[in-house]
Protein backbone atom coordinates (compact mmCIF):
# COMPACT_ATOMS: atom_id res chain seq x y z
CA ARG A 1 8.30 20.56 -16.73
CA ASP A 2 5.54 18.28 -17.95
CA ALA A 3 2.36 19.08 -16.21
CA GLY A 4 1.52 15.43 -15.52
CA VAL A 5 4.90 14.72 -14.01
CA LEU A 6 4.88 17.80 -11.70
CA ALA A 7 1.41 16.83 -10.54
CA PHE A 8 2.80 13.34 -9.67
CA LEU A 9 5.79 14.78 -7.90
CA ARG A 10 3.69 17.35 -6.08
CA VAL A 11 1.55 14.62 -4.47
CA LEU A 12 4.68 12.84 -3.30
CA ALA A 13 6.13 16.02 -1.82
CA VAL A 14 2.98 17.27 -0.09
CA CYS A 15 0.84 14.27 0.72
CA ASN A 16 2.86 12.61 3.61
CA SER A 17 3.54 13.01 7.25
CA VAL A 18 7.18 13.89 6.92
CA THR A 19 8.44 16.71 9.11
CA THR A 20 11.25 19.08 8.20
CA VAL A 21 14.16 20.23 10.15
CA SER A 22 16.41 23.14 9.08
CA GLU A 23 20.09 22.88 10.01
CA SER A 24 23.08 24.95 8.99
CA ILE A 25 26.02 23.38 7.31
CA ASP A 26 29.43 24.43 8.63
CA GLY A 27 28.07 27.86 9.60
CA GLY A 28 26.75 28.66 6.14
CA SER A 29 23.99 31.18 5.61
CA LYS A 30 21.72 28.76 3.66
CA PRO A 31 20.30 26.03 5.88
CA ARG A 32 19.81 22.50 4.78
CA VAL A 33 16.49 20.80 5.12
CA ARG A 34 16.55 17.46 6.83
CA TYR A 35 13.62 15.06 6.55
CA GLU A 36 12.20 13.08 9.53
CA ALA A 37 9.65 10.40 8.51
CA CYS A 38 7.70 7.85 10.46
CA SER A 39 8.42 5.16 7.85
CA PRO A 40 11.24 4.45 5.34
CA ASP A 41 8.69 4.52 2.54
CA GLU A 42 7.55 8.07 3.11
CA ASP A 43 11.24 9.16 3.48
CA ALA A 44 12.10 7.47 0.20
CA LEU A 45 9.25 9.04 -1.71
CA VAL A 46 9.81 12.56 -0.46
CA LYS A 47 13.57 12.35 -1.29
CA ALA A 48 12.73 10.96 -4.71
CA ALA A 49 10.50 13.88 -5.47
CA ALA A 50 13.17 16.25 -4.23
CA GLY A 51 15.78 14.58 -6.46
CA CYS A 52 13.34 15.23 -9.43
CA GLY A 53 13.08 18.88 -8.61
CA VAL A 54 9.96 18.96 -6.40
CA GLY A 55 11.32 19.39 -2.90
CA LEU A 56 9.55 19.55 0.47
CA SER A 57 10.90 22.78 2.03
CA ARG A 58 8.96 23.21 5.16
CA ARG A 59 6.04 21.65 6.92
CA THR A 60 4.06 22.90 10.02
CA ALA A 61 0.90 21.70 11.50
CA ASP A 62 -1.09 24.01 9.23
CA ASN A 63 1.08 24.46 6.10
CA VAL A 64 3.37 22.77 3.56
CA GLU A 65 5.93 24.59 1.55
CA ILE A 66 7.52 23.05 -1.58
CA SER A 67 9.75 24.18 -4.39
CA MET A 68 8.46 23.10 -7.78
CA ALA A 69 10.18 23.75 -11.11
CA GLY A 70 12.28 26.35 -9.34
CA GLN A 71 9.26 28.18 -7.91
CA PRO A 72 8.02 28.21 -4.30
CA PHE A 73 4.51 26.99 -3.49
CA LYS A 74 2.65 27.03 -0.21
CA TYR A 75 -0.45 25.03 0.78
CA ARG A 76 -2.64 25.34 3.74
CA ILE A 77 -3.70 22.12 5.13
CA LEU A 78 -7.50 21.90 5.42
CA ARG A 79 -8.04 18.24 6.12
CA GLU A 80 -5.94 15.06 6.58
CA MET A 81 -7.63 11.74 6.00
CA GLU A 82 -5.21 9.34 7.61
CA PHE A 83 -3.99 6.03 6.31
CA ASN A 84 -5.05 2.84 8.08
CA SER A 85 -5.21 -0.84 7.27
CA ASP A 86 -8.90 -0.58 6.20
CA ARG A 87 -8.64 2.47 3.99
CA LYS A 88 -5.26 1.64 2.52
CA ARG A 89 -4.75 5.25 1.50
CA MET A 90 -3.88 8.75 2.71
CA SER A 91 -5.46 11.90 1.41
CA LEU A 92 -4.76 15.52 2.09
CA VAL A 93 -7.01 18.44 1.25
CA VAL A 94 -4.98 21.67 0.79
CA GLU A 95 -5.54 25.23 -0.48
CA GLU A 96 -2.89 26.62 -2.67
CA GLU A 97 -1.74 30.08 -1.64
CA GLY A 98 -2.21 32.73 -4.28
CA SER A 99 -4.53 30.76 -6.60
CA GLY A 100 -6.86 29.73 -3.93
CA ASP A 101 -7.32 26.33 -5.59
CA LEU A 102 -8.50 23.45 -3.40
CA LEU A 103 -6.74 20.22 -4.17
CA LEU A 104 -7.22 16.66 -2.86
CA LEU A 105 -3.94 14.71 -2.97
CA CYS A 106 -4.03 10.95 -2.50
CA LYS A 107 -1.78 7.94 -2.51
CA GLY A 108 -2.50 4.31 -1.59
CA ALA A 109 -2.89 0.66 -2.60
CA ASP A 110 -3.72 0.30 -6.30
CA GLU A 111 -6.68 -2.15 -5.65
CA THR A 112 -8.14 0.57 -3.34
CA LEU A 113 -7.60 3.55 -5.59
CA ARG A 114 -8.39 2.17 -8.97
CA PRO A 115 -12.15 1.98 -8.39
CA LEU A 116 -12.02 5.69 -7.21
CA LEU A 117 -10.61 7.01 -10.58
CA ALA A 118 -12.58 9.32 -12.74
CA ALA A 119 -13.60 7.88 -16.14
CA GLY A 120 -11.77 8.49 -19.38
CA GLN A 121 -8.27 7.55 -18.18
CA ASP A 122 -8.07 4.00 -19.71
CA ARG A 123 -4.73 4.55 -21.45
CA LEU A 124 -2.93 5.99 -18.40
CA ASP A 125 -4.60 3.49 -16.18
CA LEU A 126 -3.39 0.60 -18.39
CA GLU A 127 0.20 1.93 -18.62
CA THR A 128 0.43 2.53 -14.92
CA ALA A 129 -1.06 -0.96 -14.19
CA GLU A 130 1.63 -2.49 -16.34
CA HIS A 131 4.27 -0.57 -14.35
CA VAL A 132 2.79 -1.53 -11.04
CA ASP A 133 2.49 -5.16 -11.97
CA GLU A 134 6.12 -5.22 -12.96
CA PHE A 135 7.03 -3.52 -9.72
CA SER A 136 5.05 -6.24 -7.86
CA ARG A 137 6.85 -9.07 -9.68
CA LEU A 138 10.12 -7.48 -8.60
CA GLY A 139 8.97 -7.63 -5.01
CA LEU A 140 8.55 -3.90 -4.64
CA ARG A 141 5.94 -2.20 -2.43
CA VAL A 142 3.64 -0.31 -4.79
CA LEU A 143 1.30 2.70 -4.45
CA LEU A 144 -0.91 4.71 -6.87
CA VAL A 145 -0.73 8.44 -6.80
CA CYS A 146 -3.81 10.56 -7.54
CA TRP A 147 -5.27 13.94 -7.13
CA LYS A 148 -8.21 16.08 -7.99
CA ARG A 149 -9.37 19.77 -7.91
CA LEU A 150 -12.11 20.47 -5.55
CA ASP A 151 -15.11 22.91 -5.99
CA ARG A 152 -15.03 25.13 -2.87
CA LYS A 153 -18.73 25.13 -2.23
CA GLU A 154 -18.99 21.42 -2.70
CA TYR A 155 -16.24 20.91 -0.22
CA GLU A 156 -17.68 23.20 2.32
CA ASP A 157 -21.12 21.48 1.98
CA TRP A 158 -19.23 18.08 2.37
CA VAL A 159 -17.58 19.33 5.62
CA LYS A 160 -20.89 20.68 7.06
CA ASN A 161 -23.31 17.94 5.91
CA GLU A 162 -21.15 14.77 5.93
CA LEU A 163 -18.07 15.08 7.89
CA ARG A 164 -19.12 17.11 10.93
CA VAL A 165 -22.26 14.91 11.25
CA ALA A 166 -20.10 11.77 11.13
CA MET A 167 -17.60 13.11 13.64
CA ALA A 168 -20.43 13.89 16.04
CA SER A 169 -21.98 10.43 15.79
CA PRO A 170 -22.31 8.78 19.20
CA GLU A 171 -22.28 5.33 17.64
CA GLY A 172 -20.25 3.91 14.74
CA ARG A 173 -18.19 7.07 14.55
CA GLU A 174 -15.12 5.63 12.89
CA GLN A 175 -17.21 3.84 10.16
CA ARG A 176 -19.22 6.97 9.46
CA ILE A 177 -16.12 9.10 9.22
CA ALA A 178 -14.71 6.58 6.77
CA GLN A 179 -17.93 6.66 4.74
CA ALA A 180 -17.78 10.48 4.63
CA TYR A 181 -14.21 10.31 3.39
CA GLU A 182 -15.27 8.04 0.59
CA LYS A 183 -17.71 10.66 -0.70
CA VAL A 184 -14.98 13.20 -1.41
CA GLU A 185 -12.24 10.61 -2.40
CA CYS A 186 -13.81 9.88 -5.74
CA GLY A 187 -13.37 10.95 -9.40
CA LEU A 188 -9.62 11.08 -8.93
CA THR A 189 -7.06 11.89 -11.57
CA LEU A 190 -4.35 9.17 -11.79
CA ALA A 191 -0.91 10.69 -11.62
CA GLY A 192 1.20 7.48 -11.65
CA GLY A 193 2.55 4.72 -9.55
CA THR A 194 5.61 4.10 -7.37
CA GLY A 195 7.57 1.03 -6.39
CA ILE A 196 9.82 0.89 -3.31
CA GLU A 197 12.29 -1.82 -2.32
CA ASP A 198 11.50 -3.16 1.14
CA ARG A 199 14.78 -4.87 2.02
CA LEU A 200 14.77 -7.77 4.42
CA GLN A 201 16.74 -7.60 7.59
CA ALA A 202 19.94 -9.57 7.70
CA GLY A 203 19.54 -13.21 8.48
CA VAL A 204 15.87 -13.67 7.60
CA PRO A 205 16.26 -16.52 5.15
CA GLN A 206 18.46 -18.39 7.48
CA THR A 207 15.99 -17.85 10.34
CA MET A 208 13.15 -19.11 8.17
CA ARG A 209 15.16 -22.23 7.25
CA SER A 210 15.93 -22.95 10.95
CA LEU A 211 12.20 -22.59 11.87
CA ARG A 212 11.22 -25.03 9.07
CA GLU A 213 13.98 -27.56 10.13
CA ALA A 214 12.60 -27.26 13.71
CA GLY A 215 9.19 -28.26 12.47
CA MET A 216 7.55 -24.85 13.00
CA LYS A 217 4.93 -23.45 10.72
CA VAL A 218 5.30 -19.76 9.69
CA TRP A 219 2.56 -17.63 8.38
CA MET A 220 3.22 -14.22 6.84
CA VAL A 221 0.71 -11.32 7.14
CA THR A 222 1.15 -8.41 4.69
CA GLY A 223 -0.82 -5.69 3.12
CA ASP A 224 0.97 -5.98 -0.23
CA LYS A 225 -0.35 -7.23 -3.56
CA THR A 226 -0.31 -11.03 -3.94
CA SER A 227 2.46 -10.85 -6.52
CA THR A 228 4.63 -8.78 -4.24
CA ALA A 229 3.78 -11.01 -1.32
CA LEU A 230 4.93 -14.03 -3.35
CA GLN A 231 8.25 -12.43 -4.12
CA ILE A 232 8.70 -11.55 -0.45
CA ALA A 233 8.05 -15.16 0.55
CA ILE A 234 10.69 -16.38 -1.90
CA SER A 235 13.30 -13.80 -0.84
CA SER A 236 12.66 -14.51 2.95
CA GLY A 237 12.98 -18.25 2.47
CA MET A 238 9.44 -19.05 3.26
CA LEU A 239 8.94 -20.59 -0.23
CA SER A 240 11.49 -21.84 -2.71
CA SER A 241 11.24 -20.61 -6.29
CA HIS A 242 10.12 -24.11 -7.31
CA THR A 243 7.18 -24.14 -4.94
CA ALA A 244 6.29 -20.60 -5.77
CA SER A 245 6.27 -21.43 -9.58
CA HIS A 246 4.72 -24.92 -9.55
CA ASN A 247 2.90 -25.50 -6.25
CA THR A 248 1.40 -22.34 -4.93
CA VAL A 249 -2.45 -21.74 -4.57
CA VAL A 250 -3.72 -18.20 -4.82
CA CYS A 251 -7.11 -17.75 -3.09
CA SER A 252 -8.25 -14.28 -3.91
CA LEU A 253 -12.02 -14.85 -4.23
CA PRO A 254 -14.45 -16.16 -1.68
CA ALA A 255 -15.58 -18.81 -4.38
CA GLN A 256 -12.09 -20.30 -4.26
CA VAL A 257 -12.02 -20.89 -0.51
CA GLU A 258 -13.34 -24.58 -0.66
CA SER A 259 -10.88 -25.59 -3.38
CA CYS A 260 -7.96 -23.94 -1.42
CA ILE A 261 -8.94 -25.87 1.71
CA GLN A 262 -9.17 -29.17 -0.15
CA GLN A 263 -5.77 -28.66 -1.59
CA LEU A 264 -4.30 -27.77 1.81
CA ALA A 265 -5.90 -30.99 3.24
CA GLU A 266 -4.38 -33.09 0.42
CA ALA A 267 -1.01 -31.58 0.96
CA ALA A 268 -1.33 -32.27 4.81
CA ALA A 269 -2.15 -35.93 3.91
CA VAL A 270 1.07 -36.25 1.88
CA ARG A 271 3.11 -34.82 4.76
CA ARG A 272 1.58 -37.41 7.11
CA GLY A 273 2.11 -40.21 4.69
CA ASP A 274 -1.61 -40.91 4.30
CA SER A 275 -1.48 -40.53 0.54
CA LYS A 276 0.41 -42.54 -2.03
CA THR A 277 1.10 -39.39 -3.92
CA SER A 278 4.54 -38.20 -3.12
CA ASP A 279 5.60 -36.03 -6.02
CA SER A 280 4.43 -32.77 -4.47
CA HIS A 281 7.55 -32.37 -2.32
CA ASP A 282 9.65 -29.38 -3.06
CA GLU A 283 12.95 -30.19 -4.87
CA GLU A 284 14.74 -28.12 -2.21
CA GLY A 285 13.11 -30.02 0.67
CA GLY A 286 10.93 -26.95 1.57
CA ALA A 287 7.16 -26.50 1.76
CA GLN A 288 5.04 -28.79 -0.29
CA LEU A 289 2.30 -26.18 -1.01
CA GLY A 290 2.42 -22.44 -0.90
CA VAL A 291 -0.92 -20.63 -0.19
CA LEU A 292 -1.69 -16.95 -0.71
CA VAL A 293 -4.99 -16.07 0.71
CA THR A 294 -6.56 -12.60 0.98
CA GLY A 295 -8.15 -11.16 3.97
CA SER A 296 -11.59 -11.10 2.29
CA CYS A 297 -11.33 -14.88 1.78
CA LEU A 298 -10.47 -15.48 5.42
CA GLU A 299 -13.34 -13.18 6.44
CA SER A 300 -15.83 -15.16 4.24
CA MET A 301 -14.94 -18.54 5.78
CA ASN A 302 -17.55 -20.10 8.08
CA PRO A 303 -16.27 -21.61 11.43
CA ALA A 304 -15.95 -25.10 9.99
CA GLN A 305 -13.92 -23.87 7.06
CA LYS A 306 -11.69 -21.94 9.33
CA ARG A 307 -10.97 -25.09 11.43
CA ARG A 308 -10.18 -27.05 8.20
CA PHE A 309 -8.03 -24.27 6.81
CA VAL A 310 -5.89 -24.02 10.06
CA ALA A 311 -5.69 -27.80 10.28
CA GLY A 312 -4.53 -28.09 6.64
CA GLY A 313 -1.89 -25.39 7.22
CA LEU A 314 -0.65 -26.95 10.37
CA GLY A 315 -1.02 -30.62 9.38
């Protein structure tokens, strides 16, 4: 019944796109609620919240009903700010029945949400960051969970002066809507973080090994943190643990791009036999060099750097 824990679980139970289906069990009078989710992650988070006592009871296009600490709560959905690959977060603005409180509930990538947190949460932010980093090292998909209380007049002014103007824009509509969302998704209260195991399909490591043996180069694209991506690369067989630990370059800042490309070129030279240095080979016969590069670094490359980067990766 800790208020902070309940706030965390409330976001998980309400801020999602999970639908509910009521079904009777063996003709009983009390129906069971079955969840239908568009992703395994959402299904897992909603079920986890229910297992901790905050269950999603019913969802319609306009309302969400939950049971929290044994009491029913109903929320009217005022605005959904959908998740996409650019925003990397989902937010829901709801009005609590009875109290009339307006709440913004949000979950998303930690590197996206951390700059949006209200000041004065250093201790909780540090503790949560430690948990999230540990989740990432274990190869779990991580999210931050946040919320804030909205002033009704400020929210109505935002809808009138920011959101509606953006939605009516004839040009750059999507970008202007995203900018409007950012003006209300700020000053958030951190509730906690989550970690979800994203299991590989059967046979993935064996497939990766066969592709390497056939001389094919495999690139992995993911929206996860670099530490999570590294663990997935190991578990999928793209990188051996030796390469990941001793011979992997992480390029997370544009200033590191040139150094990354140079190391790729040197590794390509070793593979072609152009270099006398041969101790960079993986002890398991796998890749000589692992590279983790962020989208912002790829975007910052000029055309010449992009050609060199691809040539090094394929060389």
